[in-house]
Amino acid sequence: MAAVVAAPRARVWRALTDPAEIVRWDETRTALVDVDAVYPTPDQKVLWRTKLGNVALVLHERAQLVDPPERLALVCNAGSLHFEQLYALVEEPEDAAQAARTRVSLKIAARNRVQLIGADIDRFEVRRLLIARTDASLRALQKWCEAERPPQSDAAD
């Protein structure tokens, strides 16, 4: 899935990689639990408090690939849900009539079946869940980055 964000690629990259910003635009991540001072770097792990529907979980996230400001690949585990995310950012050419725009693609790969207490969620429900999460995430990122004056994060730019 993809979205076009009316913001420069550096702005979108910062929104994807600054933990102080992530918890403000991503409604599923409610708090940062643990992260190193420099984020993200390959093989670095970060822990978030997150929610899956109404269920509170800890999301374990590990950066696999960090290629600023073009690609970010993450391996994620929340409870029994395991998935991989790949963000690709492509800045569209500017012209006099249009401000900078960035195409953000997000690819998510997950197992076909997720085990829960006493039951399994089949591949169609996993797909539906991840499509909804991806769509909501891209729209929230777009809204955040396109805000006229996005709130400043606590981290230095």
Protein backbone atom coordinates (compact mmCIF):
# COMPACT_ATOMS: atom_id res chain seq x y z
CA MET A 1 0.00 0.00 0.00
CA ALA A 2 1.14 3.56 -0.56
CA ALA A 3 0.29 7.19 0.13
CA VAL A 4 1.53 10.46 -1.29
CA VAL A 5 2.49 12.89 1.46
CA ALA A 6 2.72 16.62 0.75
CA ALA A 7 6.02 16.98 2.60
CA PRO A 8 9.72 16.56 1.81
CA ARG A 9 11.21 13.09 2.17
CA ALA A 10 13.43 14.22 5.09
CA ARG A 11 10.30 15.29 7.00
CA VAL A 12 8.58 11.93 6.40
CA TRP A 13 11.76 10.03 7.35
CA ARG A 14 11.95 11.94 10.64
CA ALA A 15 8.32 11.09 11.41
CA LEU A 16 9.09 7.39 10.79
CA THR A 17 12.28 7.28 12.85
CA ASP A 18 11.94 9.77 15.72
CA PRO A 19 10.40 7.85 18.65
CA ALA A 20 9.01 11.08 20.13
CA GLU A 21 7.10 11.69 16.89
CA ILE A 22 6.04 8.08 16.34
CA VAL A 23 4.06 7.91 19.58
CA ARG A 24 2.28 11.12 18.61
CA TRP A 25 1.07 10.13 15.14
CA ASP A 26 0.72 6.33 15.41
CA GLU A 27 -2.40 5.73 17.50
CA THR A 28 -1.53 2.06 18.03
CA ARG A 29 1.72 2.89 19.83
CA THR A 30 0.82 4.36 23.18
CA ALA A 31 4.27 4.71 24.74
CA LEU A 32 7.94 4.06 24.18
CA VAL A 33 9.26 1.47 26.64
CA ASP A 34 12.94 1.19 25.72
CA VAL A 35 15.23 2.46 22.95
CA ASP A 36 18.91 3.29 22.55
CA ALA A 37 19.96 6.93 22.19
CA VAL A 38 20.54 6.59 18.44
CA TYR A 39 17.54 5.16 16.62
CA PRO A 40 17.24 3.43 14.23
CA THR A 41 20.36 1.44 13.48
CA PRO A 42 20.48 -2.08 11.98
CA ASP A 43 19.75 -4.86 14.50
CA GLN A 44 18.69 -2.34 17.11
CA LYS A 45 15.69 -3.34 19.18
CA VAL A 46 13.02 -1.02 20.53
CA LEU A 47 10.05 -1.80 22.75
CA TRP A 48 6.71 0.01 22.51
CA ARG A 49 3.48 -0.24 24.42
CA THR A 50 0.88 -0.87 21.76
CA LYS A 51 -2.67 -2.02 21.34
CA LEU A 52 -4.22 -4.51 18.99
CA GLY A 53 -7.87 -3.56 19.04
CA ASN A 54 -8.56 -3.18 22.76
CA VAL A 55 -5.76 -5.50 23.85
CA ALA A 56 -2.63 -3.88 25.33
CA LEU A 57 0.63 -5.52 24.22
CA VAL A 58 4.34 -4.87 24.08
CA LEU A 59 5.62 -4.50 20.51
CA HIS A 60 9.18 -5.74 20.00
CA GLU A 61 10.62 -4.05 16.93
CA ARG A 62 14.03 -4.70 15.36
CA ALA A 63 15.45 -2.67 12.50
CA GLN A 64 16.76 -4.92 9.73
CA LEU A 65 17.64 -2.29 7.15
CA VAL A 66 18.17 1.44 7.69
CA ASP A 67 18.92 3.36 4.49
CA PRO A 68 18.12 7.03 5.25
CA PRO A 69 16.02 8.61 3.89
CA GLU A 70 14.91 5.91 1.44
CA ARG A 71 14.20 2.56 3.12
CA LEU A 72 13.44 1.22 6.56
CA ALA A 73 12.81 -2.48 7.20
CA LEU A 74 11.53 -3.67 10.58
CA VAL A 75 10.78 -7.05 12.14
CA CYS A 76 7.93 -6.80 14.65
CA ASN A 77 6.48 -9.11 17.31
CA ALA A 78 3.42 -8.31 19.43
CA GLY A 79 2.11 -11.26 21.37
CA SER A 80 1.72 -14.09 18.87
CA LEU A 81 1.59 -11.71 15.89
CA HIS A 82 4.85 -11.64 13.91
CA PHE A 83 5.28 -9.44 10.86
CA GLU A 84 7.82 -7.53 8.80
CA GLN A 85 7.44 -3.97 7.54
CA LEU A 86 9.28 -2.31 4.67
CA TYR A 87 8.92 1.43 4.17
CA ALA A 88 10.16 2.94 0.90
CA LEU A 89 10.24 6.72 0.44
CA VAL A 90 10.53 8.33 -2.99
CA GLU A 91 10.52 12.11 -3.30
CA GLU A 92 8.53 13.28 -6.27
CA PRO A 93 10.03 16.08 -8.37
CA GLU A 94 9.03 19.59 -7.28
CA ASP A 95 7.65 22.13 -9.67
CA ALA A 96 6.68 25.77 -9.28
CA ALA A 97 3.02 24.96 -8.65
CA GLN A 98 3.51 22.15 -6.18
CA ALA A 99 5.44 21.78 -2.93
CA ALA A 100 7.62 18.76 -2.18
CA ARG A 101 5.77 15.44 -2.14
CA THR A 102 6.91 12.03 -0.99
CA ARG A 103 5.48 8.69 -2.03
CA VAL A 104 5.53 6.35 0.97
CA SER A 105 5.09 2.64 0.28
CA LEU A 106 4.55 0.23 3.13
CA LYS A 107 4.76 -3.51 2.56
CA ILE A 108 3.83 -5.86 5.39
CA ALA A 109 4.50 -9.58 5.42
CA ALA A 110 3.01 -11.88 8.06
CA ARG A 111 2.38 -15.53 8.69
CA ASN A 112 -0.80 -17.00 7.25
CA ARG A 113 -2.07 -18.05 10.66
CA VAL A 114 -1.84 -16.46 14.11
CA GLN A 115 -2.37 -18.51 17.28
CA LEU A 116 -4.50 -17.04 20.04
CA ILE A 117 -5.65 -18.53 23.31
CA GLY A 118 -7.83 -21.46 22.33
CA ALA A 119 -8.09 -20.58 18.63
CA ASP A 120 -6.30 -19.51 15.47
CA ILE A 121 -6.93 -16.51 13.27
CA ASP A 122 -6.84 -17.68 9.65
CA ARG A 123 -4.94 -16.04 6.80
CA PHE A 124 -7.91 -14.02 5.58
CA GLU A 125 -8.46 -12.42 8.97
CA VAL A 126 -4.70 -11.80 9.35
CA ARG A 127 -4.70 -10.14 5.93
CA ARG A 128 -7.75 -8.01 6.79
CA LEU A 129 -6.19 -6.97 10.10
CA LEU A 130 -2.86 -5.99 8.50
CA ILE A 131 -4.48 -4.13 5.59
CA ALA A 132 -6.56 -2.10 8.02
CA ARG A 133 -3.50 -1.40 10.19
CA THR A 134 -1.38 -0.43 7.16
CA ASP A 135 -4.04 1.89 5.77
CA ALA A 136 -4.59 3.59 9.13
CA SER A 137 -0.85 3.95 9.68
CA LEU A 138 -0.23 5.54 6.27
CA ARG A 139 -3.15 7.96 6.70
CA ALA A 140 -1.96 8.96 10.18
CA LEU A 141 1.60 9.49 8.91
CA GLN A 142 0.28 11.57 6.01
CA LYS A 143 -1.88 13.73 8.28
CA TRP A 144 1.00 14.24 10.73
CA CYS A 145 3.55 15.22 8.09
CA GLU A 146 1.14 17.47 6.22
CA ALA A 147 0.11 19.42 9.30
CA GLU A 148 0.83 23.11 8.70
CA ARG A 149 3.08 23.30 11.72
CA PRO A 150 3.76 19.82 13.11
CA PRO A 151 4.48 19.82 16.84
CA GLN A 152 8.19 19.77 17.54
CA SER A 153 9.58 16.60 19.02
CA ASP A 154 11.78 16.56 22.10
CA ALA A 155 14.71 15.25 20.04
CA ALA A 156 17.07 17.63 18.30
CA ASP A 157 16.82 17.76 14.50
